[in-house]
Amino acid sequence: MNKPIRILIVDDFEMIRDGLRTMLELESGINTYKVFDTDKLDVAIKTVRKESIDVALVDYQLVDLDGALVTSELKKVNPDIKVIAISNYNELNYIQDMITAGANGYVLKNVSSEELISGIDKVRKGGVIFSPEVSQLMTYQYYKHLTSKPTEFNLTVNKDARLVHVLSNREKEILTMIAQEMTNDEIAKKLSLSKRTVDNHRQNILNKLEVKNSMGLMMLAIKGGLIDIS
């Protein structure tokens, strides 16, 4: 039997926490889940320190603090923890706050159980997860930037596009797949490579492009013209 995946839910509303807990604990797939929950930052930090949490589901808007702060503090305790933001709000500034803080995805609270279970599995394997509405908003905003009149932003876009050319053809291929939300395991299988080789390529890409996470890589792939957002 597989080792249970340890999930931490950080949300103000007990009903939401109970609903997510029940959904995960009743999941009948190949994985099982051990779920912890709280509405307090100090308890969340203690739980991450004590329980080796794999994935945290963090509400963006919490009483007296926000999910970006929670995400940042959890990452300080355990840099390897994966965080999925959960929110009622499909607002670009909220999404950007969470990504900047280190979140590996952003889903709306109308997400289905199947989508959330799949998303948890994906971020555990190095991928990212966004609700379709969130992906659509992000793509539209970057499309507007890329098609706007020449501005300071477009100078940055051009700089980033040139930066992508420092990558080898294999690295560009892997970057494109990362931007398509493929996990390292999926990339390895598609390219007939070992996962370790893909892990090494991914780290080299991060180092060369000077970004911290998959979201940064996705944005550079868009700006560098490696994926189509039309």
Protein backbone atom coordinates (compact mmCIF):
# COMPACT_ATOMS: atom_id res chain seq x y z
CA MET A 1 0.00 0.00 0.00
CA ASN A 2 1.28 3.46 -0.91
CA LYS A 3 2.33 5.82 1.84
CA PRO A 4 -0.49 8.31 2.52
CA ILE A 5 -0.07 11.73 0.93
CA ARG A 6 -0.05 14.35 3.67
CA ILE A 7 -2.32 17.31 2.94
CA LEU A 8 -2.69 20.52 4.92
CA ILE A 9 -5.82 22.64 4.39
CA VAL A 10 -5.61 26.30 5.46
CA ASP A 11 -9.01 27.99 5.23
CA ASP A 12 -11.15 30.26 7.41
CA PHE A 13 -14.32 28.24 7.06
CA GLU A 14 -14.69 24.97 8.93
CA MET A 15 -17.30 23.82 6.43
CA ILE A 16 -14.81 24.19 3.57
CA ARG A 17 -12.09 22.39 5.51
CA ASP A 18 -14.47 19.57 6.43
CA GLY A 19 -15.67 19.26 2.84
CA LEU A 20 -12.16 19.03 1.44
CA ARG A 21 -11.11 16.60 4.17
CA THR A 22 -14.07 14.32 3.48
CA MET A 23 -13.48 14.42 -0.26
CA LEU A 24 -9.83 13.46 0.12
CA GLU A 25 -10.29 10.82 2.81
CA LEU A 26 -13.05 9.12 0.83
CA GLU A 27 -11.02 9.11 -2.39
CA SER A 28 -10.90 5.54 -3.69
CA GLY A 29 -8.04 5.87 -6.18
CA ILE A 30 -4.52 4.48 -5.93
CA ASN A 31 -3.47 7.15 -3.41
CA THR A 32 -4.65 7.63 0.16
CA TYR A 33 -4.55 10.92 2.04
CA LYS A 34 -3.85 11.97 5.60
CA VAL A 35 -5.41 15.39 6.08
CA PHE A 36 -4.66 18.16 8.54
CA ASP A 37 -6.49 21.48 8.66
CA THR A 38 -6.39 24.86 10.38
CA ASP A 39 -7.34 28.50 10.00
CA LYS A 40 -4.26 29.82 11.81
CA LEU A 41 -0.78 30.54 10.46
CA ASP A 42 1.10 29.42 13.59
CA VAL A 43 -0.71 26.08 13.60
CA ALA A 44 -0.03 25.64 9.88
CA ILE A 45 3.69 26.26 10.42
CA LYS A 46 3.84 23.81 13.34
CA THR A 47 2.02 21.18 11.28
CA VAL A 48 4.42 21.54 8.35
CA ARG A 49 7.39 21.21 10.72
CA LYS A 50 6.00 18.14 12.46
CA GLU A 51 4.13 16.19 9.79
CA SER A 52 6.21 16.44 6.59
CA ILE A 53 3.29 17.85 4.61
CA ASP A 54 3.38 17.08 0.87
CA VAL A 55 0.78 19.56 -0.40
CA ALA A 56 -0.92 22.54 1.24
CA LEU A 57 -4.29 23.82 -0.01
CA VAL A 58 -4.28 27.49 0.97
CA ASP A 59 -7.21 29.91 0.75
CA TYR A 60 -6.13 33.25 -0.66
CA GLN A 61 -8.22 35.42 1.65
CA LEU A 62 -7.89 34.66 5.35
CA VAL A 63 -8.85 36.78 8.35
CA ASP A 64 -6.05 39.25 9.20
CA LEU A 65 -3.66 37.81 6.59
CA ASP A 66 -3.61 36.52 3.04
CA GLY A 67 -2.73 33.26 1.40
CA ALA A 68 0.42 34.68 -0.18
CA LEU A 69 1.89 35.31 3.27
CA VAL A 70 0.88 31.83 4.42
CA THR A 71 2.46 30.32 1.30
CA SER A 72 5.69 32.27 1.79
CA GLU A 73 5.97 31.25 5.45
CA LEU A 74 5.28 27.58 4.70
CA LYS A 75 7.95 27.64 1.99
CA LYS A 76 10.44 29.06 4.49
CA VAL A 77 9.79 26.10 6.80
CA ASN A 78 9.88 23.54 3.99
CA PRO A 79 11.05 24.77 0.56
CA ASP A 80 9.92 21.47 -1.00
CA ILE A 81 6.28 21.74 0.06
CA LYS A 82 3.83 22.15 -2.82
CA VAL A 83 1.09 24.76 -2.47
CA ILE A 84 -2.17 25.03 -4.37
CA ALA A 85 -4.13 28.23 -3.85
CA ILE A 86 -7.88 27.79 -3.50
CA SER A 87 -10.11 30.82 -3.92
CA ASN A 88 -13.51 32.15 -4.87
CA TYR A 89 -11.83 34.96 -6.80
CA ASN A 90 -10.45 34.80 -10.33
CA GLU A 91 -8.48 38.04 -10.02
CA LEU A 92 -5.13 38.53 -11.73
CA ASN A 93 -3.49 40.33 -8.80
CA TYR A 94 -4.50 37.51 -6.43
CA ILE A 95 -3.10 34.92 -8.82
CA GLN A 96 0.15 36.86 -9.23
CA ASP A 97 0.52 37.26 -5.45
CA MET A 98 0.24 33.51 -4.91
CA ILE A 99 2.59 32.59 -7.75
CA THR A 100 5.18 35.11 -6.55
CA ALA A 101 4.92 33.63 -3.05
CA GLY A 102 5.73 30.19 -4.47
CA ALA A 103 2.36 28.55 -5.15
CA ASN A 104 2.34 25.72 -7.67
CA GLY A 105 -1.20 26.37 -8.80
CA TYR A 106 -4.40 28.34 -8.34
CA VAL A 107 -7.84 26.73 -8.48
CA LEU A 108 -11.30 28.10 -7.86
CA LYS A 109 -13.51 26.58 -5.20
CA ASN A 110 -15.89 25.25 -7.83
CA VAL A 111 -13.17 22.77 -8.82
CA SER A 112 -14.40 19.19 -9.10
CA SER A 113 -13.01 16.48 -6.86
CA GLU A 114 -11.48 14.76 -9.90
CA GLU A 115 -9.70 17.95 -10.98
CA LEU A 116 -8.37 18.63 -7.50
CA ILE A 117 -7.14 15.07 -7.00
CA SER A 118 -5.43 15.21 -10.39
CA GLY A 119 -3.96 18.62 -9.54
CA ILE A 120 -2.52 17.39 -6.25
CA ASP A 121 -0.87 14.49 -8.04
CA LYS A 122 0.48 16.80 -10.74
CA VAL A 123 2.11 19.33 -8.40
CA ARG A 124 3.64 16.51 -6.35
CA LYS A 125 5.41 15.41 -9.54
CA GLY A 126 6.69 18.89 -10.36
CA GLY A 127 3.82 20.25 -12.45
CA VAL A 128 1.44 23.16 -12.01
CA ILE A 129 -2.36 23.31 -11.90
CA PHE A 130 -4.77 26.11 -12.75
CA SER A 131 -8.53 26.12 -13.10
CA PRO A 132 -9.57 26.63 -16.76
CA GLU A 133 -10.94 30.08 -15.92
CA VAL A 134 -7.63 31.06 -14.32
CA SER A 135 -5.59 29.80 -17.28
CA GLN A 136 -7.86 31.71 -19.65
CA LEU A 137 -7.42 34.94 -17.69
CA MET A 138 -3.64 34.58 -17.51
CA THR A 139 -3.34 33.79 -21.21
CA TYR A 140 -5.54 36.75 -22.14
CA GLN A 141 -3.54 39.18 -19.98
CA TYR A 142 -0.21 38.09 -21.44
CA TYR A 143 -1.66 38.13 -24.93
CA LYS A 144 -2.66 41.76 -24.40
CA HIS A 145 0.86 42.60 -23.26
CA LEU A 146 2.46 40.82 -26.19
CA THR A 147 0.22 42.52 -28.76
CA SER A 148 0.25 46.02 -27.25
CA LYS A 149 2.12 48.98 -28.72
CA PRO A 150 5.86 49.17 -27.90
CA THR A 151 6.29 49.90 -24.22
CA GLU A 152 8.78 49.29 -21.48
CA PHE A 153 7.08 45.92 -20.94
CA ASN A 154 7.67 44.96 -24.56
CA LEU A 155 11.35 45.77 -24.16
CA THR A 156 11.34 43.24 -21.31
CA VAL A 157 9.52 40.75 -23.52
CA ASN A 158 12.17 41.15 -26.21
CA LYS A 159 14.93 40.71 -23.64
CA ASP A 160 13.26 37.56 -22.31
CA ALA A 161 12.77 36.24 -25.85
CA ARG A 162 16.49 36.62 -26.51
CA LEU A 163 17.28 34.98 -23.17
CA VAL A 164 15.49 31.81 -24.27
CA HIS A 165 18.06 31.44 -27.07
CA VAL A 166 20.75 30.55 -24.52
CA LEU A 167 19.03 27.17 -24.17
CA SER A 168 20.00 24.09 -26.12
CA ASN A 169 17.44 22.56 -28.48
CA ARG A 170 16.73 19.82 -25.92
CA GLU A 171 16.25 22.42 -23.17
CA LYS A 172 13.85 24.39 -25.39
CA GLU A 173 11.92 21.19 -26.04
CA ILE A 174 11.67 20.46 -22.32
CA LEU A 175 10.77 24.09 -21.52
CA THR A 176 7.92 23.90 -24.03
CA MET A 177 6.59 20.76 -22.33
CA ILE A 178 6.88 22.36 -18.88
CA ALA A 179 4.87 25.32 -20.19
CA GLN A 180 2.23 22.84 -21.36
CA GLU A 181 1.93 21.73 -17.70
CA MET A 182 3.58 18.34 -18.24
CA THR A 183 5.24 16.80 -15.19
CA ASN A 184 8.84 15.61 -15.17
CA ASP A 185 7.61 12.01 -15.27
CA GLU A 186 5.46 12.73 -18.34
CA ILE A 187 8.34 14.53 -20.08
CA ALA A 188 10.72 11.67 -19.34
CA LYS A 189 8.28 9.14 -20.79
CA LYS A 190 7.58 11.20 -23.92
CA LEU A 191 11.26 11.82 -24.64
CA SER A 192 12.44 8.34 -23.57
CA LEU A 193 14.72 9.85 -20.93
CA SER A 194 15.23 9.00 -17.28
CA LYS A 195 13.41 11.20 -14.78
CA ARG A 196 16.79 12.15 -13.30
CA THR A 197 17.95 13.44 -16.68
CA VAL A 198 14.80 15.55 -17.01
CA ASP A 199 15.28 16.82 -13.44
CA ASN A 200 18.81 17.91 -14.35
CA HIS A 201 17.65 19.63 -17.55
CA ARG A 202 14.93 21.42 -15.63
CA GLN A 203 17.39 22.71 -13.03
CA ASN A 204 19.77 23.86 -15.78
CA ILE A 205 16.92 25.74 -17.46
CA LEU A 206 15.96 27.43 -14.18
CA ASN A 207 19.58 28.46 -13.64
CA LYS A 208 20.09 29.78 -17.18
CA LEU A 209 16.84 31.76 -17.25
CA GLU A 210 17.19 32.94 -13.65
CA VAL A 211 13.66 32.02 -12.58
CA LYS A 212 12.48 30.17 -9.49
CA ASN A 213 9.55 27.99 -10.51
CA SER A 214 7.40 26.47 -13.24
CA MET A 215 5.26 29.58 -13.56
CA GLY A 216 8.31 31.68 -14.36
CA LEU A 217 9.35 29.13 -16.97
CA MET A 218 5.86 29.18 -18.49
CA MET A 219 5.92 32.96 -18.86
CA LEU A 220 9.35 32.90 -20.53
CA ALA A 221 8.20 30.17 -22.90
CA ILE A 222 5.28 32.41 -23.92
CA LYS A 223 7.49 35.48 -24.30
CA GLY A 224 10.11 33.49 -26.20
CA GLY A 225 7.52 32.23 -28.67
CA LEU A 226 7.92 28.56 -27.71
CA ILE A 227 4.19 28.05 -27.13
CA ASP A 228 1.19 29.46 -28.93
CA ILE A 229 -1.25 31.53 -26.86
CA SER A 230 -3.46 32.75 -29.71
